[in-house]
Amino acid sequence: METEIISPEHTQTEYPNVGAIAVARDGVGPCGTLSGGQVSPGRSRKRSIIIFVVVSLLNAGLLALLWSQLVTPAPGLNNSSTGNALTSTNDPLKGKPAPDFTLAALGTHAEPPIHLANLRGKPVVINFWASWCSPCADEAPLLQAAWQHAGTKGVIFIGIDYQDTQSDGLSFLQKQGITYPSAIDANGATAINYGVTGTPETFFIDRRGVVVATVRSQITAQQLQTDVALLTR
């Protein structure tokens, strides 16, 4: 009786390729790639999140840089050590003759025009203001009080109403109790000569007619006292 010998190749069970089954089932190949070389949705989503975070951080950095540039004072403008007023350490007018002007007086009675040249030999404080300016209203009592004190020492105060109507200007003076001389710069020409870019701004002129100090913002009591002292020493 012959024994049939079965070859080894017939005894082996053929198993399907496991990798092929995985591809067929999930459609995902090695390293998270889809069959055909496409990136899996999960991996693509993760990459999108990373890109979004990086772009957001860059935008935040740019915004922070822009903000720092906006809040940094321009060269030559420093915060006064005596308050929040901005004083210009190298203002183009400082040390130079104050621009002359002749402006109509602002008052309830007929008064002659105010001519700066006629005040040569006297220290002068010029304050540019406007009836619609809130900081101007805030500093008005300080200026009035300073004039009442410094006026006894010969210091002249002049308020210049900037691009305003006469009626609004008069209402402001009456409401704030301003009694020192005021004029109206209806077309803004005098303000331009003084380099005024907004209100309020204050200029201190010595007896020679030279600008010795400027405050190009709302003034503080201590700054006003310090700069008036420059005119009376």
C-alpha atoms as a PDB file:
ATOM      1  CA  MET A   1       0.000   0.000   0.000  1.00  0.00           C
ATOM      2  CA  GLU A   2       1.527   3.198  -1.055  1.00  0.00           C
ATOM      3  CA  THR A   3       1.518   6.206   1.152  1.00  0.00           C
ATOM      4  CA  GLU A   4       0.798   9.391  -0.632  1.00  0.00           C
ATOM      5  CA  ILE A   5       3.244  12.034   0.214  1.00  0.00           C
ATOM      6  CA  ILE A   6       1.750  15.521   0.341  1.00  0.00           C
ATOM      7  CA  SER A   7       4.156  18.293  -0.537  1.00  0.00           C
ATOM      8  CA  PRO A   8       4.653  21.105   2.017  1.00  0.00           C
ATOM      9  CA  GLU A   9       3.293  23.696  -0.319  1.00  0.00           C
ATOM     10  CA  HIS A  10      -0.069  22.017  -0.229  1.00  0.00           C
ATOM     11  CA  THR A  11      -0.081  21.962   3.608  1.00  0.00           C
ATOM     12  CA  GLN A  12       0.447  25.702   3.912  1.00  0.00           C
ATOM     13  CA  THR A  13      -2.640  27.800   4.321  1.00  0.00           C
ATOM     14  CA  GLU A  14      -2.617  30.907   2.222  1.00  0.00           C
ATOM     15  CA  TYR A  15      -3.479  33.973   4.307  1.00  0.00           C
ATOM     16  CA  PRO A  16      -4.449  37.196   2.699  1.00  0.00           C
ATOM     17  CA  ASN A  17      -2.047  40.166   2.987  1.00  0.00           C
ATOM     18  CA  VAL A  18      -2.828  41.902   6.279  1.00  0.00           C
ATOM     19  CA  GLY A  19      -1.640  45.281   4.978  1.00  0.00           C
ATOM     20  CA  ALA A  20      -3.913  44.919   1.986  1.00  0.00           C
ATOM     21  CA  ILE A  21      -6.876  44.213   4.271  1.00  0.00           C
ATOM     22  CA  ALA A  22      -6.079  47.332   6.308  1.00  0.00           C
ATOM     23  CA  VAL A  23      -5.911  49.443   3.203  1.00  0.00           C
ATOM     24  CA  ALA A  24      -9.110  47.966   1.858  1.00  0.00           C
ATOM     25  CA  ARG A  25     -10.910  48.495   5.175  1.00  0.00           C
ATOM     26  CA  ASP A  26      -9.719  51.874   6.285  1.00  0.00           C
ATOM     27  CA  GLY A  27      -8.231  53.262   3.112  1.00  0.00           C
ATOM     28  CA  VAL A  28      -5.199  54.321   5.164  1.00  0.00           C
ATOM     29  CA  GLY A  29      -1.678  53.359   4.298  1.00  0.00           C
ATOM     30  CA  PRO A  30       1.556  53.604   6.246  1.00  0.00           C
ATOM     31  CA  CYS A  31       2.325  56.857   8.100  1.00  0.00           C
ATOM     32  CA  GLY A  32      -1.262  58.060   7.971  1.00  0.00           C
ATOM     33  CA  THR A  33      -1.466  58.353   4.204  1.00  0.00           C
ATOM     34  CA  LEU A  34      -4.500  57.351   2.255  1.00  0.00           C
ATOM     35  CA  SER A  35      -4.188  54.813  -0.466  1.00  0.00           C
ATOM     36  CA  GLY A  36      -3.021  56.671  -3.511  1.00  0.00           C
ATOM     37  CA  GLY A  37      -0.710  58.959  -1.451  1.00  0.00           C
ATOM     38  CA  GLN A  38      -3.452  61.240  -0.017  1.00  0.00           C
ATOM     39  CA  VAL A  39      -3.100  62.596   3.545  1.00  0.00           C
ATOM     40  CA  SER A  40      -5.605  61.308   6.068  1.00  0.00           C
ATOM     41  CA  PRO A  41      -8.338  63.748   7.277  1.00  0.00           C
ATOM     42  CA  GLY A  42      -7.074  63.657  10.875  1.00  0.00           C
ATOM     43  CA  ARG A  43      -3.519  64.556   9.918  1.00  0.00           C
ATOM     44  CA  SER A  44      -4.736  67.321   7.578  1.00  0.00           C
ATOM     45  CA  ARG A  45      -6.924  68.772  10.319  1.00  0.00           C
ATOM     46  CA  LYS A  46      -4.022  68.840  12.752  1.00  0.00           C
ATOM     47  CA  ARG A  47      -1.835  70.610  10.221  1.00  0.00           C
ATOM     48  CA  SER A  48      -4.545  73.235   9.623  1.00  0.00           C
ATOM     49  CA  ILE A  49      -4.821  73.917  13.349  1.00  0.00           C
ATOM     50  CA  ILE A  50      -1.063  74.424  13.638  1.00  0.00           C
ATOM     51  CA  ILE A  51      -1.056  76.847  10.694  1.00  0.00           C
ATOM     52  CA  PHE A  52      -3.984  78.783  12.195  1.00  0.00           C
ATOM     53  CA  VAL A  53      -2.231  79.118  15.570  1.00  0.00           C
ATOM     54  CA  VAL A  54       1.018  80.316  13.970  1.00  0.00           C
ATOM     55  CA  VAL A  55      -0.772  82.914  11.816  1.00  0.00           C
ATOM     56  CA  SER A  56      -2.784  84.142  14.822  1.00  0.00           C
ATOM     57  CA  LEU A  57       0.399  84.615  16.870  1.00  0.00           C
ATOM     58  CA  LEU A  58       2.041  86.547  14.043  1.00  0.00           C
ATOM     59  CA  ASN A  59      -0.992  88.822  13.713  1.00  0.00           C
ATOM     60  CA  ALA A  60      -1.047  89.421  17.465  1.00  0.00           C
ATOM     61  CA  GLY A  61       2.635  90.357  17.381  1.00  0.00           C
ATOM     62  CA  LEU A  62       2.098  92.828  14.546  1.00  0.00           C
ATOM     63  CA  LEU A  63      -0.835  94.442  16.354  1.00  0.00           C
ATOM     64  CA  ALA A  64       1.232  94.792  19.523  1.00  0.00           C
ATOM     65  CA  LEU A  65       4.040  96.438  17.532  1.00  0.00           C
ATOM     66  CA  LEU A  66       1.654  98.898  15.875  1.00  0.00           C
ATOM     67  CA  TRP A  67       0.074  99.778  19.217  1.00  0.00           C
ATOM     68  CA  SER A  68       3.459 100.445  20.810  1.00  0.00           C
ATOM     69  CA  GLN A  69       4.286 102.827  17.961  1.00  0.00           C
ATOM     70  CA  LEU A  70       0.988 104.667  18.409  1.00  0.00           C
ATOM     71  CA  VAL A  71       1.345 105.204  22.149  1.00  0.00           C
ATOM     72  CA  THR A  72       5.029 106.173  22.025  1.00  0.00           C
ATOM     73  CA  PRO A  73       5.446 109.987  22.003  1.00  0.00           C
ATOM     74  CA  ALA A  74       7.096 111.490  18.964  1.00  0.00           C
ATOM     75  CA  PRO A  75      10.771 112.419  19.273  1.00  0.00           C
ATOM     76  CA  GLY A  76      11.190 115.602  21.272  1.00  0.00           C
ATOM     77  CA  LEU A  77       7.923 115.137  23.167  1.00  0.00           C
ATOM     78  CA  ASN A  78       8.299 113.899  26.718  1.00  0.00           C
ATOM     79  CA  ASN A  79       5.839 113.465  29.552  1.00  0.00           C
ATOM     80  CA  SER A  80       6.339 116.258  32.021  1.00  0.00           C
ATOM     81  CA  SER A  81       7.778 115.076  35.298  1.00  0.00           C
ATOM     82  CA  THR A  82       5.314 117.358  37.035  1.00  0.00           C
ATOM     83  CA  GLY A  83       2.145 115.903  35.563  1.00  0.00           C
ATOM     84  CA  ASN A  84       0.464 114.387  32.558  1.00  0.00           C
ATOM     85  CA  ALA A  85       1.050 117.386  30.282  1.00  0.00           C
ATOM     86  CA  LEU A  86       3.253 116.915  27.276  1.00  0.00           C
ATOM     87  CA  THR A  87       6.089 119.414  27.022  1.00  0.00           C
ATOM     88  CA  SER A  88       8.351 119.743  24.016  1.00  0.00           C
ATOM     89  CA  THR A  89      12.021 119.775  24.924  1.00  0.00           C
ATOM     90  CA  ASN A  90      13.071 120.841  21.443  1.00  0.00           C
ATOM     91  CA  ASP A  91       9.969 122.609  20.182  1.00  0.00           C
ATOM     92  CA  PRO A  92      10.815 124.558  17.005  1.00  0.00           C
ATOM     93  CA  LEU A  93       9.408 127.732  18.590  1.00  0.00           C
ATOM     94  CA  LYS A  94      11.391 127.474  21.804  1.00  0.00           C
ATOM     95  CA  GLY A  95      14.133 130.100  21.936  1.00  0.00           C
ATOM     96  CA  LYS A  96      12.730 131.981  18.942  1.00  0.00           C
ATOM     97  CA  PRO A  97      10.671 135.196  18.697  1.00  0.00           C
ATOM     98  CA  ALA A  98       6.961 134.563  19.168  1.00  0.00           C
ATOM     99  CA  PRO A  99       5.020 135.044  15.913  1.00  0.00           C
ATOM    100  CA  ASP A 100       3.276 138.395  15.976  1.00  0.00           C
ATOM    101  CA  PHE A 101      -0.466 138.662  15.516  1.00  0.00           C
ATOM    102  CA  THR A 102      -3.320 141.129  15.574  1.00  0.00           C
ATOM    103  CA  LEU A 103      -6.654 139.560  16.504  1.00  0.00           C
ATOM    104  CA  ALA A 104     -10.106 140.862  17.281  1.00  0.00           C
ATOM    105  CA  ALA A 105     -10.805 140.967  20.993  1.00  0.00           C
ATOM    106  CA  LEU A 106     -13.419 138.546  22.284  1.00  0.00           C
ATOM    107  CA  GLY A 107     -15.664 140.288  24.769  1.00  0.00           C
ATOM    108  CA  THR A 108     -19.120 141.598  25.460  1.00  0.00           C
ATOM    109  CA  HIS A 109     -18.000 145.191  24.908  1.00  0.00           C
ATOM    110  CA  ALA A 110     -16.220 146.804  21.995  1.00  0.00           C
ATOM    111  CA  GLU A 111     -12.486 146.579  22.608  1.00  0.00           C
ATOM    112  CA  PRO A 112      -9.449 147.321  20.448  1.00  0.00           C
ATOM    113  CA  PRO A 113      -7.740 144.406  18.684  1.00  0.00           C
ATOM    114  CA  ILE A 114      -5.023 142.586  20.579  1.00  0.00           C
ATOM    115  CA  HIS A 115      -1.603 143.170  18.995  1.00  0.00           C
ATOM    116  CA  LEU A 116       1.212 141.059  20.462  1.00  0.00           C
ATOM    117  CA  ALA A 117       3.929 143.511  19.419  1.00  0.00           C
ATOM    118  CA  ASN A 118       2.361 146.162  21.664  1.00  0.00           C
ATOM    119  CA  LEU A 119       3.120 143.943  24.670  1.00  0.00           C
ATOM    120  CA  ARG A 120       6.887 143.832  24.089  1.00  0.00           C
ATOM    121  CA  GLY A 121       8.703 144.335  27.371  1.00  0.00           C
ATOM    122  CA  LYS A 122       6.105 142.340  29.314  1.00  0.00           C
ATOM    123  CA  PRO A 123       5.997 138.573  29.921  1.00  0.00           C
ATOM    124  CA  VAL A 124       3.055 136.960  28.152  1.00  0.00           C
ATOM    125  CA  VAL A 125       1.221 133.650  28.476  1.00  0.00           C
ATOM    126  CA  ILE A 126      -0.823 132.649  25.407  1.00  0.00           C
ATOM    127  CA  ASN A 127      -3.368 129.860  25.660  1.00  0.00           C
ATOM    128  CA  PHE A 128      -5.113 128.446  22.585  1.00  0.00           C
ATOM    129  CA  TRP A 129      -8.533 127.010  23.427  1.00  0.00           C
ATOM    130  CA  ALA A 130     -11.959 126.274  21.941  1.00  0.00           C
ATOM    131  CA  SER A 131     -15.466 126.157  23.376  1.00  0.00           C
ATOM    132  CA  TRP A 132     -15.939 122.551  22.235  1.00  0.00           C
ATOM    133  CA  CYS A 133     -12.699 121.384  23.903  1.00  0.00           C
ATOM    134  CA  SER A 134     -13.220 119.459  27.169  1.00  0.00           C
ATOM    135  CA  PRO A 135      -9.543 119.653  28.308  1.00  0.00           C
ATOM    136  CA  CYS A 136      -9.742 123.425  27.752  1.00  0.00           C
ATOM    137  CA  ALA A 137     -12.633 123.616  30.204  1.00  0.00           C
ATOM    138  CA  ASP A 138     -10.717 121.450  32.690  1.00  0.00           C
ATOM    139  CA  GLU A 139      -7.640 123.704  32.699  1.00  0.00           C
ATOM    140  CA  ALA A 140      -9.544 127.026  32.574  1.00  0.00           C
ATOM    141  CA  PRO A 141      -9.761 127.453  36.385  1.00  0.00           C
ATOM    142  CA  LEU A 142      -5.989 126.904  36.667  1.00  0.00           C
ATOM    143  CA  LEU A 143      -5.255 129.597  34.098  1.00  0.00           C
ATOM    144  CA  GLN A 144      -7.660 132.053  35.712  1.00  0.00           C
ATOM    145  CA  ALA A 145      -6.109 131.491  39.143  1.00  0.00           C
ATOM    146  CA  ALA A 146      -2.567 131.763  37.746  1.00  0.00           C
ATOM    147  CA  TRP A 147      -3.416 135.039  36.038  1.00  0.00           C
ATOM    148  CA  GLN A 148      -4.856 136.503  39.223  1.00  0.00           C
ATOM    149  CA  HIS A 149      -1.620 135.661  41.013  1.00  0.00           C
ATOM    150  CA  ALA A 150       0.938 136.384  38.269  1.00  0.00           C
ATOM    151  CA  GLY A 151      -0.887 139.495  37.076  1.00  0.00           C
ATOM    152  CA  THR A 152       0.385 141.304  40.144  1.00  0.00           C
ATOM    153  CA  LYS A 153       3.900 140.625  38.842  1.00  0.00           C
ATOM    154  CA  GLY A 154       3.150 142.084  35.420  1.00  0.00           C
ATOM    155  CA  VAL A 155       2.488 138.833  33.541  1.00  0.00           C
ATOM    156  CA  ILE A 156      -0.085 139.205  30.755  1.00  0.00           C
ATOM    157  CA  PHE A 157      -2.435 136.323  29.956  1.00  0.00           C
ATOM    158  CA  ILE A 158      -4.142 136.094  26.563  1.00  0.00           C
ATOM    159  CA  GLY A 159      -6.615 133.422  25.565  1.00  0.00           C
ATOM    160  CA  ILE A 160      -7.037 132.747  21.854  1.00  0.00           C
ATOM    161  CA  ASP A 161     -10.274 131.077  20.801  1.00  0.00           C
ATOM    162  CA  TYR A 162      -9.374 128.715  17.963  1.00  0.00           C
ATOM    163  CA  GLN A 163     -11.719 128.293  14.974  1.00  0.00           C
ATOM    164  CA  ASP A 164     -14.854 129.045  16.955  1.00  0.00           C
ATOM    165  CA  THR A 165     -17.887 131.293  16.717  1.00  0.00           C
ATOM    166  CA  GLN A 166     -17.998 134.474  18.758  1.00  0.00           C
ATOM    167  CA  SER A 167     -21.197 133.473  20.547  1.00  0.00           C
ATOM    168  CA  ASP A 168     -19.825 130.053  21.570  1.00  0.00           C
ATOM    169  CA  GLY A 169     -16.557 131.652  22.656  1.00  0.00           C
ATOM    170  CA  LEU A 170     -18.323 134.212  24.834  1.00  0.00           C
ATOM    171  CA  SER A 171     -20.469 131.496  26.415  1.00  0.00           C
ATOM    172  CA  PHE A 172     -17.332 129.549  27.289  1.00  0.00           C
ATOM    173  CA  LEU A 173     -15.666 132.587  28.908  1.00  0.00           C
ATOM    174  CA  GLN A 174     -18.731 133.353  30.980  1.00  0.00           C
ATOM    175  CA  LYS A 175     -19.234 129.745  32.054  1.00  0.00           C
ATOM    176  CA  GLN A 176     -15.577 129.287  33.049  1.00  0.00           C
ATOM    177  CA  GLY A 177     -15.270 132.704  34.681  1.00  0.00           C
ATOM    178  CA  ILE A 178     -12.338 133.814  32.522  1.00  0.00           C
ATOM    179  CA  THR A 179     -11.600 137.521  33.018  1.00  0.00           C
ATOM    180  CA  TYR A 180      -8.185 137.971  31.371  1.00  0.00           C
ATOM    181  CA  PRO A 181      -8.113 139.280  27.756  1.00  0.00           C
ATOM    182  CA  SER A 182      -9.202 136.909  25.013  1.00  0.00           C
ATOM    183  CA  ALA A 183      -9.137 137.073  21.231  1.00  0.00           C
ATOM    184  CA  ILE A 184     -10.659 134.999  18.460  1.00  0.00           C
ATOM    185  CA  ASP A 185      -8.654 133.261  15.722  1.00  0.00           C
ATOM    186  CA  ALA A 186     -11.589 132.537  13.452  1.00  0.00           C
ATOM    187  CA  ASN A 187      -9.625 131.254  10.457  1.00  0.00           C
ATOM    188  CA  GLY A 188      -6.865 129.541  12.444  1.00  0.00           C
ATOM    189  CA  ALA A 189      -4.047 131.539  10.797  1.00  0.00           C
ATOM    190  CA  THR A 190      -2.411 132.504  14.102  1.00  0.00           C
ATOM    191  CA  ALA A 191      -2.661 128.934  15.372  1.00  0.00           C
ATOM    192  CA  ILE A 192      -0.865 127.757  12.237  1.00  0.00           C
ATOM    193  CA  ASN A 193       1.960 130.234  12.854  1.00  0.00           C
ATOM    194  CA  TYR A 194       2.380 128.788  16.339  1.00  0.00           C
ATOM    195  CA  GLY A 195       2.290 125.215  15.047  1.00  0.00           C
ATOM    196  CA  VAL A 196      -0.895 124.426  16.960  1.00  0.00           C
ATOM    197  CA  THR A 197      -2.209 120.961  16.102  1.00  0.00           C
ATOM    198  CA  GLY A 198      -4.961 120.785  18.690  1.00  0.00           C
ATOM    199  CA  THR A 199      -6.358 122.469  21.759  1.00  0.00           C
ATOM    200  CA  PRO A 200      -5.372 123.329  24.383  1.00  0.00           C
ATOM    201  CA  GLU A 201      -1.822 124.538  23.857  1.00  0.00           C
ATOM    202  CA  THR A 202       0.014 127.146  25.944  1.00  0.00           C
ATOM    203  CA  PHE A 203       3.047 129.328  25.164  1.00  0.00           C
ATOM    204  CA  PHE A 204       5.233 131.337  27.555  1.00  0.00           C
ATOM    205  CA  ILE A 205       6.914 134.450  26.120  1.00  0.00           C
ATOM    206  CA  ASP A 206       9.509 136.489  28.006  1.00  0.00           C
ATOM    207  CA  ARG A 207       9.979 140.267  28.023  1.00  0.00           C
ATOM    208  CA  ARG A 208      12.151 140.076  24.895  1.00  0.00           C
ATOM    209  CA  GLY A 209       9.314 138.474  22.985  1.00  0.00           C
ATOM    210  CA  VAL A 210      11.047 135.052  22.925  1.00  0.00           C
ATOM    211  CA  VAL A 211       9.227 131.768  23.530  1.00  0.00           C
ATOM    212  CA  VAL A 212      10.817 130.147  26.591  1.00  0.00           C
ATOM    213  CA  ALA A 213       8.419 127.246  27.171  1.00  0.00           C
ATOM    214  CA  THR A 214       5.498 125.461  25.531  1.00  0.00           C
ATOM    215  CA  VAL A 215       2.921 122.955  26.716  1.00  0.00           C
ATOM    216  CA  ARG A 216       1.184 121.335  23.766  1.00  0.00           C
ATOM    217  CA  SER A 217      -1.551 119.600  25.736  1.00  0.00           C
ATOM    218  CA  GLN A 218      -3.682 120.161  28.816  1.00  0.00           C
ATOM    219  CA  ILE A 219      -1.530 121.900  31.392  1.00  0.00           C
ATOM    220  CA  THR A 220      -1.169 120.967  35.052  1.00  0.00           C
ATOM    221  CA  ALA A 221      -1.058 123.335  38.011  1.00  0.00           C
ATOM    222  CA  GLN A 222       2.578 122.523  38.770  1.00  0.00           C
ATOM    223  CA  GLN A 223       3.664 122.905  35.137  1.00  0.00           C
ATOM    224  CA  LEU A 224       1.850 126.227  34.916  1.00  0.00           C
ATOM    225  CA  GLN A 225       3.536 127.443  38.089  1.00  0.00           C
ATOM    226  CA  THR A 226       6.974 126.312  36.874  1.00  0.00           C
ATOM    227  CA  ASP A 227       6.698 127.950  33.462  1.00  0.00           C
ATOM    228  CA  VAL A 228       5.250 131.213  34.793  1.00  0.00           C
ATOM    229  CA  ALA A 229       8.225 131.348  37.149  1.00  0.00           C
ATOM    230  CA  LEU A 230      10.496 131.395  34.061  1.00  0.00           C
ATOM    231  CA  LEU A 231       8.871 134.695  33.105  1.00  0.00           C
ATOM    232  CA  THR A 232       9.183 136.415  36.479  1.00  0.00           C
ATOM    233  CA  ARG A 233      12.699 135.480  37.587  1.00  0.00           C
END
